[in-house]
């Protein structure tokens, strides 16, 4: 099954989110985050999540990769899944 890797930014309180885009490969999605393509922090977003999502209605995310904005490094750093978000999925598609 073909999947896409969707990149979504979220505020610290998870009250706002924005999907920036997707890639067809995991390495390219991870590279986009590492390079901060499109300046995804926008002085607003605290977290990024990459979700691997397949085709279909209410498709489950097969994998999730979490990042937190590091002000000191002006870069996204990997982080564990935020507390209370372990079972939440499909930020990008809903």
Protein backbone atom coordinates (compact mmCIF):
# COMPACT_ATOMS: atom_id res chain seq x y z
CA UNK A 1 0.00 0.00 0.00
CA UNK A 2 1.26 3.47 -0.84
CA UNK A 3 1.58 5.90 2.02
CA UNK A 4 2.36 9.57 2.47
CA UNK A 5 4.32 11.27 5.23
CA UNK A 6 2.35 14.30 6.39
CA UNK A 7 3.97 17.13 8.38
CA UNK A 8 1.71 18.99 10.82
CA UNK A 9 2.66 21.75 13.27
CA UNK A 10 0.87 22.22 16.60
CA UNK A 11 0.87 24.89 19.29
CA UNK A 12 2.08 24.00 22.78
CA UNK A 13 -1.50 23.65 24.08
CA UNK A 14 -2.56 21.76 20.92
CA UNK A 15 -5.23 24.42 20.35
CA UNK A 16 -4.06 25.28 16.83
CA UNK A 17 -2.50 23.23 14.08
CA UNK A 18 -1.40 23.58 10.49
CA UNK A 19 -0.52 20.92 7.98
CA UNK A 20 2.43 22.14 5.94
CA UNK A 21 2.51 19.36 3.38
CA UNK A 22 3.51 15.78 2.67
CA UNK A 23 6.18 13.68 1.01
CA UNK A 24 6.06 10.23 -0.53
CA UNK A 25 9.18 9.08 1.35
CA UNK A 26 10.10 9.06 5.03
CA UNK A 27 13.69 10.28 4.42
CA UNK A 28 12.44 13.30 2.46
CA UNK A 29 9.90 14.22 5.17
CA UNK A 30 12.58 13.95 7.86
CA UNK A 31 14.95 16.04 5.75
CA UNK A 32 12.28 18.72 5.34
CA UNK A 33 11.94 18.94 9.13
CA UNK A 34 15.70 18.98 9.67
CA UNK A 35 16.06 21.81 7.12
CA UNK A 36 12.95 23.56 8.53
CA UNK A 37 11.64 24.05 5.01
CA UNK A 38 9.11 26.86 4.91
CA UNK A 39 10.09 28.07 8.41
CA UNK A 40 7.52 25.81 10.02
CA UNK A 41 7.90 27.25 13.52
CA UNK A 42 6.47 30.63 12.45
CA UNK A 43 7.05 31.86 16.06
CA UNK A 44 3.80 30.07 16.89
CA UNK A 45 4.18 26.31 16.67
CA UNK A 46 5.86 24.30 19.40
CA UNK A 47 5.55 20.76 18.00
CA UNK A 48 5.76 19.02 14.65
CA UNK A 49 4.49 15.55 13.95
CA UNK A 50 5.16 13.45 10.88
CA UNK A 51 2.51 10.80 10.32
CA UNK A 52 2.71 7.98 7.81
CA UNK A 53 -0.82 7.64 6.46
CA UNK A 54 -2.21 5.28 3.87
CA UNK A 55 -5.16 5.65 1.56
CA UNK A 56 -8.73 5.25 2.75
CA UNK A 57 -11.40 6.75 4.93
CA UNK A 58 -10.24 7.28 8.52
CA UNK A 59 -6.89 5.68 7.72
CA UNK A 60 -4.74 5.16 10.80
CA UNK A 61 -1.28 6.63 11.05
CA UNK A 62 1.22 3.78 10.75
CA UNK A 63 4.06 5.73 12.36
CA UNK A 64 4.50 9.04 14.10
CA UNK A 65 7.65 11.08 14.61
CA UNK A 66 7.55 13.99 17.07
CA UNK A 67 9.69 17.12 17.19
CA UNK A 68 9.81 20.13 19.49
CA UNK A 69 11.10 23.59 18.53
CA UNK A 70 14.45 24.39 20.16
CA UNK A 71 14.77 28.18 20.45
CA UNK A 72 18.48 27.97 21.33
CA UNK A 73 19.30 25.99 18.20
CA UNK A 74 16.58 27.53 16.00
CA UNK A 75 15.80 24.00 14.89
CA UNK A 76 13.41 21.10 15.39
CA UNK A 77 14.64 18.45 17.84
CA UNK A 78 13.23 14.96 18.16
CA UNK A 79 11.15 14.39 21.27
CA UNK A 80 8.96 11.71 22.80
CA UNK A 81 5.24 11.76 22.15
CA UNK A 82 3.81 14.54 24.35
CA UNK A 83 1.93 13.35 27.43
CA UNK A 84 -1.71 12.60 26.70
CA UNK A 85 -1.09 12.31 22.95
CA UNK A 86 0.00 8.68 22.83
CA UNK A 87 -3.29 7.47 21.32
CA UNK A 88 -4.17 10.52 19.23
CA UNK A 89 -3.72 10.12 15.49
CA UNK A 90 -4.43 11.72 12.12
CA UNK A 91 -3.61 15.31 13.03
CA UNK A 92 -3.33 16.12 9.35
CA UNK A 93 -6.47 14.52 7.97
CA UNK A 94 -8.71 14.46 11.02
